[in-house]
Amino acid sequence: MPLLKIFTTHAPSTEGATALADSLSGACTELLGARDDAVQILLVPGSMMLRGEPLLVEVHYRAKPERSVEIMDRFMDRISQGCSHLLGQRPRIRCFAVDQATLFARH
């Protein structure tokens, strides 16, 4: 389920966007244990940031016991490293655990 929303003031190149998607997807599958086909990544270039960092990453994921504080810390490190390397900016990251009992979804 992980849904990553990337809001940025600048659009990366097509190659940069593809590399970023691969990097973020890898973080989801390797650290969160998500299925590759369940990872959704949304890039919103040209966002007008009125205050704060020029790069914001929001992550919504299913709450699970194995997604501990330590795992989420490593996950955010990977997100930050990928964005810094591929977009040239350090992001503000916000992660939101969604209780499976209150999550209704359709594919």
N, C-alpha and C. Protein backbone atom coordinates (compact mmCIF):
# COMPACT_ATOMS: atom_id res chain seq x y z
N MET A 1 0.78 -1.20 0.00
CA MET A 1 0.00 0.00 0.00
C MET A 1 0.82 1.27 0.00
N PRO A 2 2.09 1.24 0.30
CA PRO A 2 2.73 2.54 0.50
C PRO A 2 2.40 3.51 -0.64
N LEU A 3 1.98 4.69 -0.23
CA LEU A 3 1.70 5.78 -1.16
C LEU A 3 2.66 6.89 -0.82
N LEU A 4 3.53 7.22 -1.77
CA LEU A 4 4.50 8.29 -1.58
C LEU A 4 4.12 9.45 -2.47
N LYS A 5 3.98 10.62 -1.88
CA LYS A 5 3.67 11.83 -2.61
C LYS A 5 4.86 12.77 -2.49
N ILE A 6 5.41 13.14 -3.63
CA ILE A 6 6.59 13.99 -3.65
C ILE A 6 6.19 15.34 -4.25
N PHE A 7 6.25 16.36 -3.44
CA PHE A 7 5.92 17.72 -3.87
C PHE A 7 7.23 18.48 -4.00
N THR A 8 7.49 19.03 -5.19
CA THR A 8 8.75 19.73 -5.42
C THR A 8 8.51 20.97 -6.28
N THR A 9 9.36 21.95 -6.06
CA THR A 9 9.25 23.18 -6.84
C THR A 9 9.80 23.01 -8.25
N HIS A 10 10.70 22.03 -8.43
CA HIS A 10 11.34 21.82 -9.73
C HIS A 10 11.07 20.42 -10.25
N ALA A 11 10.84 20.30 -11.53
CA ALA A 11 10.63 19.00 -12.15
C ALA A 11 11.98 18.36 -12.48
N PRO A 12 12.17 17.10 -12.07
CA PRO A 12 13.41 16.42 -12.45
C PRO A 12 13.32 15.97 -13.90
N SER A 13 14.43 15.59 -14.46
CA SER A 13 14.44 15.01 -15.81
C SER A 13 13.67 13.69 -15.77
N THR A 14 13.31 13.20 -16.94
CA THR A 14 12.63 11.90 -17.02
C THR A 14 13.50 10.82 -16.41
N GLU A 15 14.79 10.86 -16.70
CA GLU A 15 15.72 9.86 -16.15
C GLU A 15 15.81 9.99 -14.64
N GLY A 16 15.86 11.22 -14.16
CA GLY A 16 15.92 11.45 -12.72
C GLY A 16 14.67 10.98 -12.01
N ALA A 17 13.51 11.22 -12.62
CA ALA A 17 12.24 10.77 -12.03
C ALA A 17 12.17 9.25 -11.99
N THR A 18 12.64 8.60 -13.05
CA THR A 18 12.64 7.13 -13.09
C THR A 18 13.58 6.56 -12.04
N ALA A 19 14.76 7.13 -11.93
CA ALA A 19 15.73 6.67 -10.92
C ALA A 19 15.19 6.89 -9.51
N LEU A 20 14.51 8.02 -9.29
CA LEU A 20 13.93 8.31 -7.99
C LEU A 20 12.84 7.29 -7.66
N ALA A 21 11.98 7.02 -8.63
CA ALA A 21 10.91 6.03 -8.42
C ALA A 21 11.49 4.67 -8.07
N ASP A 22 12.54 4.27 -8.76
CA ASP A 22 13.19 2.98 -8.48
C ASP A 22 13.78 2.97 -7.07
N SER A 23 14.43 4.06 -6.69
CA SER A 23 15.05 4.16 -5.37
C SER A 23 14.00 4.10 -4.26
N LEU A 24 12.93 4.86 -4.41
CA LEU A 24 11.89 4.91 -3.39
C LEU A 24 11.12 3.59 -3.32
N SER A 25 10.86 3.01 -4.47
CA SER A 25 10.17 1.72 -4.51
C SER A 25 11.02 0.65 -3.82
N GLY A 26 12.32 0.68 -4.06
CA GLY A 26 13.23 -0.26 -3.40
C GLY A 26 13.20 -0.10 -1.89
N ALA A 27 13.13 1.13 -1.41
CA ALA A 27 13.05 1.36 0.04
C ALA A 27 11.77 0.75 0.60
N CYS A 28 10.69 0.87 -0.14
CA CYS A 28 9.39 0.32 0.31
C CYS A 28 9.42 -1.20 0.36
N THR A 29 9.97 -1.82 -0.67
CA THR A 29 9.97 -3.28 -0.72
C THR A 29 11.00 -3.88 0.24
N GLU A 30 12.18 -3.28 0.31
CA GLU A 30 13.25 -3.83 1.13
C GLU A 30 13.07 -3.56 2.62
N LEU A 31 12.63 -2.37 2.98
CA LEU A 31 12.55 -2.02 4.40
C LEU A 31 11.15 -2.19 4.98
N LEU A 32 10.11 -1.86 4.19
CA LEU A 32 8.74 -1.98 4.70
C LEU A 32 8.13 -3.34 4.37
N GLY A 33 8.79 -4.10 3.51
CA GLY A 33 8.25 -5.40 3.13
C GLY A 33 7.03 -5.31 2.23
N ALA A 34 6.88 -4.20 1.53
CA ALA A 34 5.74 -4.00 0.63
C ALA A 34 5.92 -4.79 -0.66
N ARG A 35 4.81 -5.21 -1.23
CA ARG A 35 4.86 -5.82 -2.56
C ARG A 35 5.16 -4.72 -3.57
N ASP A 36 5.97 -5.03 -4.56
CA ASP A 36 6.34 -4.04 -5.57
C ASP A 36 5.12 -3.48 -6.29
N ASP A 37 4.14 -4.34 -6.57
CA ASP A 37 2.95 -3.87 -7.30
C ASP A 37 1.99 -3.08 -6.41
N ALA A 38 2.28 -2.98 -5.11
CA ALA A 38 1.43 -2.22 -4.20
C ALA A 38 1.98 -0.82 -3.92
N VAL A 39 3.18 -0.55 -4.40
CA VAL A 39 3.80 0.75 -4.15
C VAL A 39 3.28 1.76 -5.18
N GLN A 40 2.80 2.89 -4.69
CA GLN A 40 2.29 3.97 -5.55
C GLN A 40 3.14 5.21 -5.27
N ILE A 41 3.68 5.81 -6.32
CA ILE A 41 4.52 7.00 -6.16
C ILE A 41 3.95 8.10 -7.04
N LEU A 42 3.71 9.24 -6.42
CA LEU A 42 3.14 10.39 -7.11
C LEU A 42 4.13 11.54 -7.03
N LEU A 43 4.49 12.10 -8.17
CA LEU A 43 5.40 13.25 -8.23
C LEU A 43 4.60 14.47 -8.66
N VAL A 44 4.66 15.51 -7.85
CA VAL A 44 3.94 16.75 -8.15
C VAL A 44 4.96 17.88 -8.32
N PRO A 45 5.54 17.98 -9.54
CA PRO A 45 6.51 19.05 -9.77
C PRO A 45 5.79 20.39 -9.92
N GLY A 46 6.53 21.44 -9.71
CA GLY A 46 5.95 22.77 -9.89
C GLY A 46 5.06 23.19 -8.73
N SER A 47 5.19 22.50 -7.59
CA SER A 47 4.39 22.88 -6.42
C SER A 47 4.87 24.23 -5.91
N MET A 48 3.94 25.07 -5.53
CA MET A 48 4.29 26.38 -4.99
C MET A 48 4.39 26.24 -3.48
N MET A 49 5.60 26.18 -2.99
CA MET A 49 5.85 26.07 -1.56
C MET A 49 5.83 27.47 -0.96
N LEU A 50 4.81 27.78 -0.21
CA LEU A 50 4.69 29.11 0.36
C LEU A 50 5.53 29.28 1.61
N ARG A 51 5.85 28.17 2.24
CA ARG A 51 6.68 28.20 3.44
C ARG A 51 7.29 26.82 3.62
N GLY A 52 8.50 26.76 4.11
CA GLY A 52 9.13 25.47 4.38
C GLY A 52 10.06 25.04 3.26
N GLU A 53 10.44 23.79 3.31
CA GLU A 53 11.40 23.23 2.36
C GLU A 53 10.83 23.17 0.95
N PRO A 54 11.69 23.26 -0.07
CA PRO A 54 11.22 23.19 -1.45
C PRO A 54 10.91 21.76 -1.92
N LEU A 55 11.12 20.78 -1.02
CA LEU A 55 10.85 19.39 -1.35
C LEU A 55 10.19 18.72 -0.15
N LEU A 56 8.99 18.17 -0.37
CA LEU A 56 8.23 17.52 0.69
C LEU A 56 7.84 16.13 0.22
N VAL A 57 8.07 15.14 1.09
CA VAL A 57 7.67 13.76 0.80
C VAL A 57 6.70 13.33 1.89
N GLU A 58 5.50 12.93 1.47
CA GLU A 58 4.50 12.37 2.39
C GLU A 58 4.39 10.88 2.08
N VAL A 59 4.40 10.08 3.13
CA VAL A 59 4.29 8.63 2.95
C VAL A 59 3.12 8.13 3.80
N HIS A 60 2.20 7.43 3.16
CA HIS A 60 1.10 6.77 3.85
C HIS A 60 1.32 5.27 3.69
N TYR A 61 1.27 4.55 4.80
CA TYR A 61 1.55 3.11 4.76
C TYR A 61 0.69 2.40 5.80
N ARG A 62 0.47 1.11 5.59
CA ARG A 62 -0.29 0.32 6.55
C ARG A 62 0.52 0.12 7.83
N ALA A 63 -0.12 0.36 8.96
CA ALA A 63 0.53 0.13 10.25
C ALA A 63 0.67 -1.38 10.46
N LYS A 64 1.87 -1.81 10.76
CA LYS A 64 2.16 -3.21 11.05
C LYS A 64 3.20 -3.26 12.15
N PRO A 65 3.14 -4.28 13.01
CA PRO A 65 4.10 -4.35 14.13
C PRO A 65 5.56 -4.37 13.68
N GLU A 66 5.84 -4.99 12.54
CA GLU A 66 7.23 -5.09 12.09
C GLU A 66 7.78 -3.77 11.55
N ARG A 67 6.93 -2.78 11.38
CA ARG A 67 7.38 -1.47 10.92
C ARG A 67 7.68 -0.61 12.15
N SER A 68 8.76 -0.97 12.80
CA SER A 68 9.15 -0.35 14.07
C SER A 68 9.74 1.04 13.85
N VAL A 69 10.03 1.69 14.94
CA VAL A 69 10.66 3.01 14.90
C VAL A 69 12.01 2.91 14.18
N GLU A 70 12.76 1.85 14.47
CA GLU A 70 14.07 1.69 13.85
C GLU A 70 13.94 1.49 12.34
N ILE A 71 12.99 0.67 11.92
CA ILE A 71 12.77 0.45 10.48
C ILE A 71 12.33 1.73 9.81
N MET A 72 11.43 2.46 10.42
CA MET A 72 10.95 3.71 9.81
C MET A 72 12.07 4.75 9.76
N ASP A 73 12.95 4.74 10.73
CA ASP A 73 14.10 5.65 10.71
C ASP A 73 15.02 5.32 9.53
N ARG A 74 15.31 4.04 9.34
CA ARG A 74 16.13 3.61 8.20
C ARG A 74 15.42 3.94 6.88
N PHE A 75 14.10 3.74 6.85
CA PHE A 75 13.31 4.04 5.65
C PHE A 75 13.43 5.53 5.30
N MET A 76 13.25 6.39 6.30
CA MET A 76 13.35 7.83 6.03
C MET A 76 14.76 8.24 5.62
N ASP A 77 15.77 7.57 6.18
CA ASP A 77 17.15 7.82 5.74
C ASP A 77 17.30 7.51 4.25
N ARG A 78 16.75 6.38 3.82
CA ARG A 78 16.82 5.99 2.40
C ARG A 78 16.09 7.00 1.52
N ILE A 79 14.93 7.46 1.97
CA ILE A 79 14.17 8.46 1.21
C ILE A 79 14.99 9.74 1.09
N SER A 80 15.55 10.18 2.20
CA SER A 80 16.34 11.40 2.21
C SER A 80 17.57 11.28 1.30
N GLN A 81 18.27 10.15 1.38
CA GLN A 81 19.45 9.93 0.55
C GLN A 81 19.09 9.91 -0.93
N GLY A 82 18.01 9.22 -1.28
CA GLY A 82 17.59 9.16 -2.68
C GLY A 82 17.23 10.53 -3.22
N CYS A 83 16.47 11.29 -2.45
CA CYS A 83 16.08 12.63 -2.90
C CYS A 83 17.30 13.55 -2.99
N SER A 84 18.18 13.49 -2.01
CA SER A 84 19.37 14.34 -2.03
C SER A 84 20.25 14.01 -3.23
N HIS A 85 20.44 12.73 -3.48
CA HIS A 85 21.30 12.30 -4.59
C HIS A 85 20.66 12.59 -5.95
N LEU A 86 19.38 12.29 -6.10
CA LEU A 86 18.74 12.36 -7.42
C LEU A 86 18.07 13.69 -7.71
N LEU A 87 17.67 14.42 -6.67
CA LEU A 87 17.01 15.71 -6.89
C LEU A 87 17.86 16.88 -6.42
N GLY A 88 18.93 16.57 -5.70
CA GLY A 88 19.82 17.64 -5.23
C GLY A 88 19.26 18.44 -4.09
N GLN A 89 18.23 17.89 -3.41
CA GLN A 89 17.62 18.60 -2.29
C GLN A 89 17.31 17.61 -1.18
N ARG A 90 17.46 18.07 0.04
CA ARG A 90 17.08 17.26 1.19
C ARG A 90 15.61 17.51 1.48
N PRO A 91 14.80 16.47 1.56
CA PRO A 91 13.36 16.68 1.73
C PRO A 91 12.93 16.79 3.19
N ARG A 92 11.80 17.40 3.35
CA ARG A 92 11.05 17.27 4.60
C ARG A 92 10.22 16.01 4.39
N ILE A 93 10.24 15.10 5.34
CA ILE A 93 9.54 13.82 5.21
C ILE A 93 8.51 13.69 6.32
N ARG A 94 7.31 13.27 5.94
CA ARG A 94 6.25 13.00 6.90
C ARG A 94 5.68 11.62 6.58
N CYS A 95 5.66 10.73 7.58
CA CYS A 95 5.13 9.38 7.40
C CYS A 95 3.88 9.21 8.25
N PHE A 96 2.86 8.63 7.65
CA PHE A 96 1.59 8.44 8.32
C PHE A 96 1.20 6.97 8.28
N ALA A 97 1.14 6.33 9.45
CA ALA A 97 0.70 4.93 9.52
C ALA A 97 -0.83 4.90 9.50
N VAL A 98 -1.38 4.04 8.66
CA VAL A 98 -2.82 3.91 8.53
C VAL A 98 -3.24 2.59 9.17
N ASP A 99 -4.17 2.65 10.10
CA ASP A 99 -4.69 1.45 10.75
C ASP A 99 -5.46 0.63 9.71
N GLN A 100 -5.08 -0.63 9.56
CA GLN A 100 -5.72 -1.49 8.56
C GLN A 100 -7.22 -1.65 8.80
N ALA A 101 -7.63 -1.54 10.06
CA ALA A 101 -9.05 -1.69 10.38
C ALA A 101 -9.88 -0.54 9.82
N THR A 102 -9.22 0.61 9.56
CA THR A 102 -9.97 1.76 9.05
C THR A 102 -9.62 2.08 7.60
N LEU A 103 -8.85 1.20 6.98
CA LEU A 103 -8.45 1.43 5.59
C LEU A 103 -9.35 0.65 4.63
N PHE A 104 -9.98 1.35 3.76
CA PHE A 104 -10.80 0.73 2.72
C PHE A 104 -10.18 1.15 1.39
N ALA A 105 -9.88 0.18 0.56
CA ALA A 105 -9.18 0.48 -0.69
C ALA A 105 -9.73 -0.40 -1.81
N ARG A 106 -9.51 0.06 -3.01
CA ARG A 106 -9.92 -0.67 -4.20
C ARG A 106 -8.87 -0.47 -5.25
N HIS A 107 -8.61 -1.49 -6.01
CA HIS A 107 -7.60 -1.42 -7.09
C HIS A 107 -8.31 -1.27 -8.41
